[in-house]
Amino acid sequence: MDPRISKQRSALVLDQPFFGALSLRLKVVEDPSCKTFWTDGESLGYNPAYLAGLNDLETRGILAHEILHVANGHCWRQGDRDPGLWNDACDYAINPIVYDAGMQLPKGGLFDARFRGKSAEEIYGILAQEKRQKEKQQGKGKQDGGKPDAQPGQKPGDTPGGSSPPQSANGANTPSATPEPGASPEAAPSCGEVRQYKADDKSQKEADWKVAVLQAAKAAKMRGGLGGSLEGMVQLAVEPVVDWRAILQRFAQESSPTD
């Protein structure tokens, strides 16, 4: 393990007990093949070249970022969703919590005030819809000779503005935790990738992490280190999730016992 990661993990244990307790559950591995950092719920991988370009506060923030991926169950819930878009949705969901905890992330981290307090599934639905609309507009533009439609109040020949929503930067209260203006998913790589846990004991691993999240939250609360954003996240993370598909299938079978 790189000594800088060991140092910042120790700093989390002392200063951010919720993150510190959970960070000790992840095995840190050096992985030059990845772009930045990643976690799959069991390990935390990092690219040493990327780590070398970070300062100590950014390193600490990325560790918290990766911990939140697992604490929120992102490593188990991707399903058949697009991996890249799912990763962006997860980043939008947890980055405000990192900033609210008074930590930093590298410049260009995904942040949008529209998504504050939303789950990764909600954000994924919005991003997927916006992506479809963008592709539809691009296809229409090609059919019209490559000229985009004029926006309201825009004269023909004017340069159109960007269609993506502006990135907000009104995250935390402390200057050190103010997020940099976010970048679009195509402009910069995620500072931490979420990978799906693939071992056969997935259900057990997920249950173990829910217990660990509750224990870490109680310990942090006793020390006064559990903010409102974290407390709300913990409540959502440990709630039992019922698959609506299974309920609908059972209802259909009970309503129509024969073909």
C-alpha atoms as a PDB file:
ATOM      1  CA  MET A   1       0.000   0.000   0.000  1.00  0.00           C
ATOM      2  CA  ASP A   2       1.249   3.468  -0.859  1.00  0.00           C
ATOM      3  CA  PRO A   3       2.198   5.314   2.360  1.00  0.00           C
ATOM      4  CA  ARG A   4       0.087   8.318   1.299  1.00  0.00           C
ATOM      5  CA  ILE A   5      -3.044   6.162   1.235  1.00  0.00           C
ATOM      6  CA  SER A   6      -2.140   4.657   4.601  1.00  0.00           C
ATOM      7  CA  LYS A   7      -1.643   8.157   6.037  1.00  0.00           C
ATOM      8  CA  GLN A   8      -4.963   9.496   4.727  1.00  0.00           C
ATOM      9  CA  ARG A   9      -6.820   6.399   5.829  1.00  0.00           C
ATOM     10  CA  SER A  10      -5.454   6.947   9.337  1.00  0.00           C
ATOM     11  CA  ALA A  11      -6.564  10.578   9.110  1.00  0.00           C
ATOM     12  CA  LEU A  12     -10.084   9.415   8.292  1.00  0.00           C
ATOM     13  CA  VAL A  13     -10.099   7.115  11.324  1.00  0.00           C
ATOM     14  CA  LEU A  14      -9.180  10.058  13.565  1.00  0.00           C
ATOM     15  CA  ASP A  15     -11.141  12.896  11.951  1.00  0.00           C
ATOM     16  CA  GLN A  16     -14.007  11.203  10.089  1.00  0.00           C
ATOM     17  CA  PRO A  17     -14.907   8.102  12.128  1.00  0.00           C
ATOM     18  CA  PHE A  18     -17.690   6.971   9.793  1.00  0.00           C
ATOM     19  CA  PHE A  19     -15.391   6.856   6.768  1.00  0.00           C
ATOM     20  CA  GLY A  20     -12.424   5.661   8.785  1.00  0.00           C
ATOM     21  CA  ALA A  21     -14.165   2.579  10.183  1.00  0.00           C
ATOM     22  CA  LEU A  22     -15.430   1.515   6.769  1.00  0.00           C
ATOM     23  CA  SER A  23     -12.126   2.194   5.008  1.00  0.00           C
ATOM     24  CA  LEU A  24     -10.479  -0.555   7.058  1.00  0.00           C
ATOM     25  CA  ARG A  25     -12.815  -3.129   5.480  1.00  0.00           C
ATOM     26  CA  LEU A  26     -11.383  -2.593   1.975  1.00  0.00           C
ATOM     27  CA  LYS A  27      -8.160  -4.262   0.873  1.00  0.00           C
ATOM     28  CA  VAL A  28      -5.977  -1.678  -0.888  1.00  0.00           C
ATOM     29  CA  VAL A  29      -4.295  -2.899  -4.102  1.00  0.00           C
ATOM     30  CA  GLU A  30      -2.063  -1.143  -6.620  1.00  0.00           C
ATOM     31  CA  ASP A  31      -3.538  -1.345 -10.110  1.00  0.00           C
ATOM     32  CA  PRO A  32      -1.694   0.519 -12.914  1.00  0.00           C
ATOM     33  CA  SER A  33      -4.276  -0.742 -15.428  1.00  0.00           C
ATOM     34  CA  CYS A  34      -7.068   1.472 -14.041  1.00  0.00           C
ATOM     35  CA  LYS A  35      -7.395   5.187 -14.777  1.00  0.00           C
ATOM     36  CA  THR A  36      -7.943   6.507 -11.260  1.00  0.00           C
ATOM     37  CA  PHE A  37      -9.378   4.547  -8.308  1.00  0.00           C
ATOM     38  CA  TRP A  38     -11.966   1.760  -8.127  1.00  0.00           C
ATOM     39  CA  THR A  39     -13.777  -0.420  -5.643  1.00  0.00           C
ATOM     40  CA  ASP A  40     -15.891  -3.555  -5.935  1.00  0.00           C
ATOM     41  CA  GLY A  41     -16.984  -3.831  -2.306  1.00  0.00           C
ATOM     42  CA  GLU A  42     -14.011  -5.956  -1.301  1.00  0.00           C
ATOM     43  CA  SER A  43     -10.914  -4.173  -2.652  1.00  0.00           C
ATOM     44  CA  LEU A  44      -9.879  -0.606  -3.332  1.00  0.00           C
ATOM     45  CA  GLY A  45      -7.600  -0.264  -6.343  1.00  0.00           C
ATOM     46  CA  TYR A  46      -5.576   2.770  -7.357  1.00  0.00           C
ATOM     47  CA  ASN A  47      -3.343   3.879 -10.193  1.00  0.00           C
ATOM     48  CA  PRO A  48      -0.016   5.044  -8.668  1.00  0.00           C
ATOM     49  CA  ALA A  49       0.543   7.560 -11.490  1.00  0.00           C
ATOM     50  CA  TYR A  50      -2.855   9.151 -10.843  1.00  0.00           C
ATOM     51  CA  LEU A  51      -2.245   9.153  -7.091  1.00  0.00           C
ATOM     52  CA  ALA A  52       1.043  10.993  -7.609  1.00  0.00           C
ATOM     53  CA  GLY A  53      -0.859  13.945  -9.080  1.00  0.00           C
ATOM     54  CA  LEU A  54      -3.140  14.370  -6.051  1.00  0.00           C
ATOM     55  CA  ASN A  55      -2.569  16.335  -2.893  1.00  0.00           C
ATOM     56  CA  ASP A  56      -3.304  14.874   0.534  1.00  0.00           C
ATOM     57  CA  LEU A  57      -6.793  16.379   0.850  1.00  0.00           C
ATOM     58  CA  GLU A  58      -7.823  15.128  -2.591  1.00  0.00           C
ATOM     59  CA  THR A  59      -6.521  11.656  -1.738  1.00  0.00           C
ATOM     60  CA  ARG A  60      -8.582  11.648   1.442  1.00  0.00           C
ATOM     61  CA  GLY A  61     -11.648  12.800  -0.490  1.00  0.00           C
ATOM     62  CA  ILE A  62     -11.295  10.020  -3.058  1.00  0.00           C
ATOM     63  CA  LEU A  63     -11.014   7.420  -0.295  1.00  0.00           C
ATOM     64  CA  ALA A  64     -14.276   8.749   1.157  1.00  0.00           C
ATOM     65  CA  HIS A  65     -15.783   8.746  -2.352  1.00  0.00           C
ATOM     66  CA  GLU A  66     -14.967   5.065  -2.851  1.00  0.00           C
ATOM     67  CA  ILE A  67     -16.220   4.151   0.620  1.00  0.00           C
ATOM     68  CA  LEU A  68     -19.553   5.805  -0.130  1.00  0.00           C
ATOM     69  CA  HIS A  69     -19.909   3.743  -3.306  1.00  0.00           C
ATOM     70  CA  VAL A  70     -19.887   0.582  -1.210  1.00  0.00           C
ATOM     71  CA  ALA A  71     -21.845   2.039   1.720  1.00  0.00           C
ATOM     72  CA  ASN A  72     -24.615   3.027  -0.701  1.00  0.00           C
ATOM     73  CA  GLY A  73     -24.694  -0.449  -2.232  1.00  0.00           C
ATOM     74  CA  HIS A  74     -23.586   0.717  -5.672  1.00  0.00           C
ATOM     75  CA  CYS A  75     -21.451  -2.402  -6.056  1.00  0.00           C
ATOM     76  CA  TRP A  76     -24.518  -4.645  -5.967  1.00  0.00           C
ATOM     77  CA  ARG A  77     -27.254  -2.671  -7.732  1.00  0.00           C
ATOM     78  CA  GLN A  78     -26.109  -2.010 -11.293  1.00  0.00           C
ATOM     79  CA  GLY A  79     -28.115  -4.834 -12.842  1.00  0.00           C
ATOM     80  CA  ASP A  80     -28.310  -4.584 -16.633  1.00  0.00           C
ATOM     81  CA  ARG A  81     -27.725  -0.812 -16.705  1.00  0.00           C
ATOM     82  CA  ASP A  82     -25.021   0.798 -18.841  1.00  0.00           C
ATOM     83  CA  PRO A  83     -21.829   0.630 -16.707  1.00  0.00           C
ATOM     84  CA  GLY A  84     -20.495   4.061 -17.707  1.00  0.00           C
ATOM     85  CA  LEU A  85     -23.776   5.870 -17.149  1.00  0.00           C
ATOM     86  CA  TRP A  86     -24.327   3.988 -13.884  1.00  0.00           C
ATOM     87  CA  ASN A  87     -20.903   5.104 -12.665  1.00  0.00           C
ATOM     88  CA  ASP A  88     -21.730   8.724 -13.481  1.00  0.00           C
ATOM     89  CA  ALA A  89     -25.079   8.455 -11.693  1.00  0.00           C
ATOM     90  CA  CYS A  90     -23.398   6.998  -8.604  1.00  0.00           C
ATOM     91  CA  ASP A  91     -20.819   9.809  -8.614  1.00  0.00           C
ATOM     92  CA  TYR A  92     -23.525  12.465  -8.821  1.00  0.00           C
ATOM     93  CA  ALA A  93     -25.288  10.784  -5.875  1.00  0.00           C
ATOM     94  CA  ILE A  94     -22.327  10.662  -3.483  1.00  0.00           C
ATOM     95  CA  ASN A  95     -20.103  13.627  -4.354  1.00  0.00           C
ATOM     96  CA  PRO A  96     -22.368  16.152  -2.543  1.00  0.00           C
ATOM     97  CA  ILE A  97     -22.021  14.023   0.604  1.00  0.00           C
ATOM     98  CA  VAL A  98     -18.221  14.136   0.309  1.00  0.00           C
ATOM     99  CA  TYR A  99     -18.293  17.922   0.009  1.00  0.00           C
ATOM    100  CA  ASP A 100     -20.782  18.283   2.869  1.00  0.00           C
ATOM    101  CA  ALA A 101     -18.393  16.301   5.073  1.00  0.00           C
ATOM    102  CA  GLY A 102     -15.781  19.031   4.508  1.00  0.00           C
ATOM    103  CA  MET A 103     -13.560  17.099   2.119  1.00  0.00           C
ATOM    104  CA  GLN A 104     -12.181  17.811  -1.327  1.00  0.00           C
ATOM    105  CA  LEU A 105     -12.218  15.979  -4.639  1.00  0.00           C
ATOM    106  CA  PRO A 106     -10.008  16.530  -7.690  1.00  0.00           C
ATOM    107  CA  LYS A 107     -11.048  19.278 -10.088  1.00  0.00           C
ATOM    108  CA  GLY A 108     -13.622  18.096 -12.601  1.00  0.00           C
ATOM    109  CA  GLY A 109     -15.490  15.742 -10.264  1.00  0.00           C
ATOM    110  CA  LEU A 110     -19.122  15.260 -11.248  1.00  0.00           C
ATOM    111  CA  PHE A 111     -21.424  17.538  -9.269  1.00  0.00           C
ATOM    112  CA  ASP A 112     -24.874  18.900 -10.033  1.00  0.00           C
ATOM    113  CA  ALA A 113     -27.237  20.508  -7.529  1.00  0.00           C
ATOM    114  CA  ARG A 114     -30.206  18.916  -9.355  1.00  0.00           C
ATOM    115  CA  PHE A 115     -29.168  15.515  -8.052  1.00  0.00           C
ATOM    116  CA  ARG A 116     -28.610  16.376  -4.394  1.00  0.00           C
ATOM    117  CA  GLY A 117     -30.479  13.887  -2.206  1.00  0.00           C
ATOM    118  CA  LYS A 118     -31.454  11.613  -5.113  1.00  0.00           C
ATOM    119  CA  SER A 119     -30.570   7.930  -5.380  1.00  0.00           C
ATOM    120  CA  ALA A 120     -28.301   6.573  -8.092  1.00  0.00           C
ATOM    121  CA  GLU A 121     -31.314   4.915  -9.749  1.00  0.00           C
ATOM    122  CA  GLU A 122     -33.205   8.220  -9.971  1.00  0.00           C
ATOM    123  CA  ILE A 123     -30.181  10.016 -11.376  1.00  0.00           C
ATOM    124  CA  TYR A 124     -29.525   7.209 -13.860  1.00  0.00           C
ATOM    125  CA  GLY A 125     -33.065   7.574 -15.219  1.00  0.00           C
ATOM    126  CA  ILE A 126     -32.574  11.320 -15.726  1.00  0.00           C
ATOM    127  CA  LEU A 127     -29.161  10.886 -17.356  1.00  0.00           C
ATOM    128  CA  ALA A 128     -30.454   8.132 -19.643  1.00  0.00           C
ATOM    129  CA  GLN A 129     -33.377  10.305 -20.760  1.00  0.00           C
ATOM    130  CA  GLU A 130     -31.094  13.284 -21.412  1.00  0.00           C
ATOM    131  CA  LYS A 131     -28.720  11.046 -23.378  1.00  0.00           C
ATOM    132  CA  ARG A 132     -31.574   9.776 -25.565  1.00  0.00           C
ATOM    133  CA  GLN A 133     -32.778  13.327 -26.201  1.00  0.00           C
ATOM    134  CA  LYS A 134     -29.260  14.439 -27.097  1.00  0.00           C
ATOM    135  CA  GLU A 135     -28.806  11.536 -29.530  1.00  0.00           C
ATOM    136  CA  LYS A 136     -32.196  12.307 -31.054  1.00  0.00           C
ATOM    137  CA  GLN A 137     -31.269  15.959 -31.550  1.00  0.00           C
ATOM    138  CA  GLN A 138     -27.918  15.002 -33.069  1.00  0.00           C
ATOM    139  CA  GLY A 139     -29.655  12.623 -35.465  1.00  0.00           C
ATOM    140  CA  LYS A 140     -32.135  15.334 -36.431  1.00  0.00           C
ATOM    141  CA  GLY A 141     -29.287  17.793 -36.946  1.00  0.00           C
ATOM    142  CA  LYS A 142     -27.561  15.417 -39.354  1.00  0.00           C
ATOM    143  CA  GLN A 143     -30.772  15.028 -41.348  1.00  0.00           C
ATOM    144  CA  ASP A 144     -31.113  18.836 -41.528  1.00  0.00           C
ATOM    145  CA  GLY A 145     -27.604  19.227 -42.885  1.00  0.00           C
ATOM    146  CA  GLY A 146     -25.806  19.408 -39.547  1.00  0.00           C
ATOM    147  CA  LYS A 147     -27.353  22.719 -38.458  1.00  0.00           C
ATOM    148  CA  PRO A 148     -28.752  22.589 -34.907  1.00  0.00           C
ATOM    149  CA  ASP A 149     -32.140  24.095 -34.223  1.00  0.00           C
ATOM    150  CA  ALA A 150     -32.122  27.687 -33.003  1.00  0.00           C
ATOM    151  CA  GLN A 151     -32.882  28.119 -29.324  1.00  0.00           C
ATOM    152  CA  PRO A 152     -35.672  30.477 -28.138  1.00  0.00           C
ATOM    153  CA  GLY A 153     -34.494  34.081 -28.493  1.00  0.00           C
ATOM    154  CA  GLN A 154     -31.588  33.050 -30.697  1.00  0.00           C
ATOM    155  CA  LYS A 155     -31.215  34.563 -34.139  1.00  0.00           C
ATOM    156  CA  PRO A 156     -30.245  32.476 -37.144  1.00  0.00           C
ATOM    157  CA  GLY A 157     -26.470  32.332 -37.434  1.00  0.00           C
ATOM    158  CA  ASP A 158     -25.839  32.880 -33.724  1.00  0.00           C
ATOM    159  CA  THR A 159     -23.615  30.381 -31.951  1.00  0.00           C
ATOM    160  CA  PRO A 160     -25.839  28.067 -29.909  1.00  0.00           C
ATOM    161  CA  GLY A 161     -25.122  27.620 -26.234  1.00  0.00           C
ATOM    162  CA  GLY A 162     -24.375  24.297 -24.588  1.00  0.00           C
ATOM    163  CA  SER A 163     -27.384  22.073 -24.081  1.00  0.00           C
ATOM    164  CA  SER A 164     -26.117  20.443 -20.906  1.00  0.00           C
ATOM    165  CA  PRO A 165     -27.356  21.933 -17.611  1.00  0.00           C
ATOM    166  CA  PRO A 166     -24.911  24.186 -15.758  1.00  0.00           C
ATOM    167  CA  GLN A 167     -22.887  22.570 -13.028  1.00  0.00           C
ATOM    168  CA  SER A 168     -23.555  24.042  -9.594  1.00  0.00           C
ATOM    169  CA  ALA A 169     -20.888  24.684  -7.003  1.00  0.00           C
ATOM    170  CA  ASN A 170     -22.905  25.486  -3.894  1.00  0.00           C
ATOM    171  CA  GLY A 171     -22.051  22.368  -1.940  1.00  0.00           C
ATOM    172  CA  ALA A 172     -20.532  22.643   1.512  1.00  0.00           C
ATOM    173  CA  ASN A 173     -20.158  25.575   3.871  1.00  0.00           C
ATOM    174  CA  THR A 174     -16.410  25.488   4.385  1.00  0.00           C
ATOM    175  CA  PRO A 175     -14.138  27.013   1.716  1.00  0.00           C
ATOM    176  CA  SER A 176     -11.984  23.879   1.585  1.00  0.00           C
ATOM    177  CA  ALA A 177     -15.024  21.790   0.685  1.00  0.00           C
ATOM    178  CA  THR A 178     -16.365  24.009  -2.099  1.00  0.00           C
ATOM    179  CA  PRO A 179     -16.652  21.832  -5.213  1.00  0.00           C
ATOM    180  CA  GLU A 180     -15.028  22.917  -8.420  1.00  0.00           C
ATOM    181  CA  PRO A 181     -17.384  23.435 -11.348  1.00  0.00           C
ATOM    182  CA  GLY A 182     -18.276  19.951 -12.517  1.00  0.00           C
ATOM    183  CA  ALA A 183     -17.406  18.502 -15.883  1.00  0.00           C
ATOM    184  CA  SER A 184     -19.532  16.516 -18.243  1.00  0.00           C
ATOM    185  CA  PRO A 185     -18.954  12.750 -18.125  1.00  0.00           C
ATOM    186  CA  GLU A 186     -17.166  12.941 -21.492  1.00  0.00           C
ATOM    187  CA  ALA A 187     -14.799  15.712 -20.366  1.00  0.00           C
ATOM    188  CA  ALA A 188     -13.004  14.055 -17.449  1.00  0.00           C
ATOM    189  CA  PRO A 189     -12.722  10.546 -16.021  1.00  0.00           C
ATOM    190  CA  SER A 190     -14.451   9.731 -12.779  1.00  0.00           C
ATOM    191  CA  CYS A 191     -12.153  10.148  -9.798  1.00  0.00           C
ATOM    192  CA  GLY A 192     -13.332   6.763  -8.556  1.00  0.00           C
ATOM    193  CA  GLU A 193     -14.861   3.879 -10.456  1.00  0.00           C
ATOM    194  CA  VAL A 194     -17.522   1.587  -8.997  1.00  0.00           C
ATOM    195  CA  ARG A 195     -17.286  -2.044 -10.092  1.00  0.00           C
ATOM    196  CA  GLN A 196     -19.785  -4.804  -9.469  1.00  0.00           C
ATOM    197  CA  TYR A 197     -19.011  -7.513  -6.936  1.00  0.00           C
ATOM    198  CA  LYS A 198     -19.011 -10.812  -8.830  1.00  0.00           C
ATOM    199  CA  ALA A 199     -18.336 -13.511  -6.211  1.00  0.00           C
ATOM    200  CA  ASP A 200     -21.005 -16.059  -5.267  1.00  0.00           C
ATOM    201  CA  ASP A 201     -21.432 -14.620  -1.755  1.00  0.00           C
ATOM    202  CA  LYS A 202     -22.817 -11.318  -3.064  1.00  0.00           C
ATOM    203  CA  SER A 203     -25.929 -11.406  -0.843  1.00  0.00           C
ATOM    204  CA  GLN A 204     -23.874 -12.109   2.262  1.00  0.00           C
ATOM    205  CA  LYS A 205     -21.345  -9.414   1.397  1.00  0.00           C
ATOM    206  CA  GLU A 206     -24.134  -6.874   0.909  1.00  0.00           C
ATOM    207  CA  ALA A 207     -25.713  -7.819   4.246  1.00  0.00           C
ATOM    208  CA  ASP A 208     -22.351  -7.561   6.023  1.00  0.00           C
ATOM    209  CA  TRP A 209     -21.799  -4.065   4.645  1.00  0.00           C
ATOM    210  CA  LYS A 210     -25.231  -2.911   5.780  1.00  0.00           C
ATOM    211  CA  VAL A 211     -24.398  -4.007   9.305  1.00  0.00           C
ATOM    212  CA  ALA A 212     -20.985  -2.327   9.075  1.00  0.00           C
ATOM    213  CA  VAL A 213     -22.563   0.931   7.838  1.00  0.00           C
ATOM    214  CA  LEU A 214     -24.984   0.955  10.775  1.00  0.00           C
ATOM    215  CA  GLN A 215     -22.195   0.267  13.263  1.00  0.00           C
ATOM    216  CA  ALA A 216     -19.971   2.974  11.748  1.00  0.00           C
ATOM    217  CA  ALA A 217     -22.855   5.451  11.827  1.00  0.00           C
ATOM    218  CA  LYS A 218     -23.568   4.744  15.513  1.00  0.00           C
ATOM    219  CA  ALA A 219     -19.897   5.119  16.405  1.00  0.00           C
ATOM    220  CA  ALA A 220     -19.635   8.393  14.464  1.00  0.00           C
ATOM    221  CA  LYS A 221     -22.835   9.722  16.033  1.00  0.00           C
ATOM    222  CA  MET A 222     -21.485   9.075  19.520  1.00  0.00           C
ATOM    223  CA  ARG A 223     -18.473  11.221  18.624  1.00  0.00           C
ATOM    224  CA  GLY A 224     -20.622  13.900  16.996  1.00  0.00           C
ATOM    225  CA  GLY A 225     -19.176  13.183  13.575  1.00  0.00           C
ATOM    226  CA  LEU A 226     -22.273  12.239  11.597  1.00  0.00           C
ATOM    227  CA  GLY A 227     -23.675  15.123   9.567  1.00  0.00           C
ATOM    228  CA  GLY A 228     -27.185  15.425   8.191  1.00  0.00           C
ATOM    229  CA  SER A 229     -26.228  14.272   4.697  1.00  0.00           C
ATOM    230  CA  LEU A 230     -24.505  11.176   6.028  1.00  0.00           C
ATOM    231  CA  GLU A 231     -27.349  10.344   8.388  1.00  0.00           C
ATOM    232  CA  GLY A 232     -29.889  10.532   5.571  1.00  0.00           C
ATOM    233  CA  MET A 233     -27.672   8.422   3.349  1.00  0.00           C
ATOM    234  CA  VAL A 234     -27.292   5.752   6.040  1.00  0.00           C
ATOM    235  CA  GLN A 235     -31.046   5.475   6.486  1.00  0.00           C
ATOM    236  CA  LEU A 236     -31.556   4.938   2.759  1.00  0.00           C
ATOM    237  CA  ALA A 237     -28.592   2.576   2.431  1.00  0.00           C
ATOM    238  CA  VAL A 238     -29.765   0.119   5.088  1.00  0.00           C
ATOM    239  CA  GLU A 239     -33.475   0.077   4.159  1.00  0.00           C
ATOM    240  CA  PRO A 240     -34.504  -3.297   2.728  1.00  0.00           C
ATOM    241  CA  VAL A 241     -34.924  -3.054  -1.020  1.00  0.00           C
ATOM    242  CA  VAL A 242     -37.784  -5.052  -2.545  1.00  0.00           C
ATOM    243  CA  ASP A 243     -37.592  -5.840  -6.252  1.00  0.00           C
ATOM    244  CA  TRP A 244     -40.866  -4.647  -7.807  1.00  0.00           C
ATOM    245  CA  ARG A 245     -40.403  -7.133 -10.669  1.00  0.00           C
ATOM    246  CA  ALA A 246     -40.670 -10.082  -8.292  1.00  0.00           C
ATOM    247  CA  ILE A 247     -43.794  -8.630  -6.667  1.00  0.00           C
ATOM    248  CA  LEU A 248     -45.417  -7.969 -10.050  1.00  0.00           C
ATOM    249  CA  GLN A 249     -44.589 -11.485 -11.253  1.00  0.00           C
ATOM    250  CA  ARG A 250     -46.109 -13.042  -8.135  1.00  0.00           C
ATOM    251  CA  PHE A 251     -49.231 -10.879  -8.524  1.00  0.00           C
ATOM    252  CA  ALA A 252     -49.614 -11.915 -12.169  1.00  0.00           C
ATOM    253  CA  GLN A 253     -49.204 -15.583 -11.350  1.00  0.00           C
ATOM    254  CA  GLU A 254     -51.768 -15.449  -8.536  1.00  0.00           C
ATOM    255  CA  SER A 255     -54.237 -13.508 -10.691  1.00  0.00           C
ATOM    256  CA  SER A 256     -53.868 -15.770 -13.725  1.00  0.00           C
ATOM    257  CA  PRO A 257     -53.188 -19.348 -12.574  1.00  0.00           C
ATOM    258  CA  THR A 258     -53.575 -20.638 -16.153  1.00  0.00           C
ATOM    259  CA  ASP A 259     -52.515 -19.414 -19.585  1.00  0.00           C
END
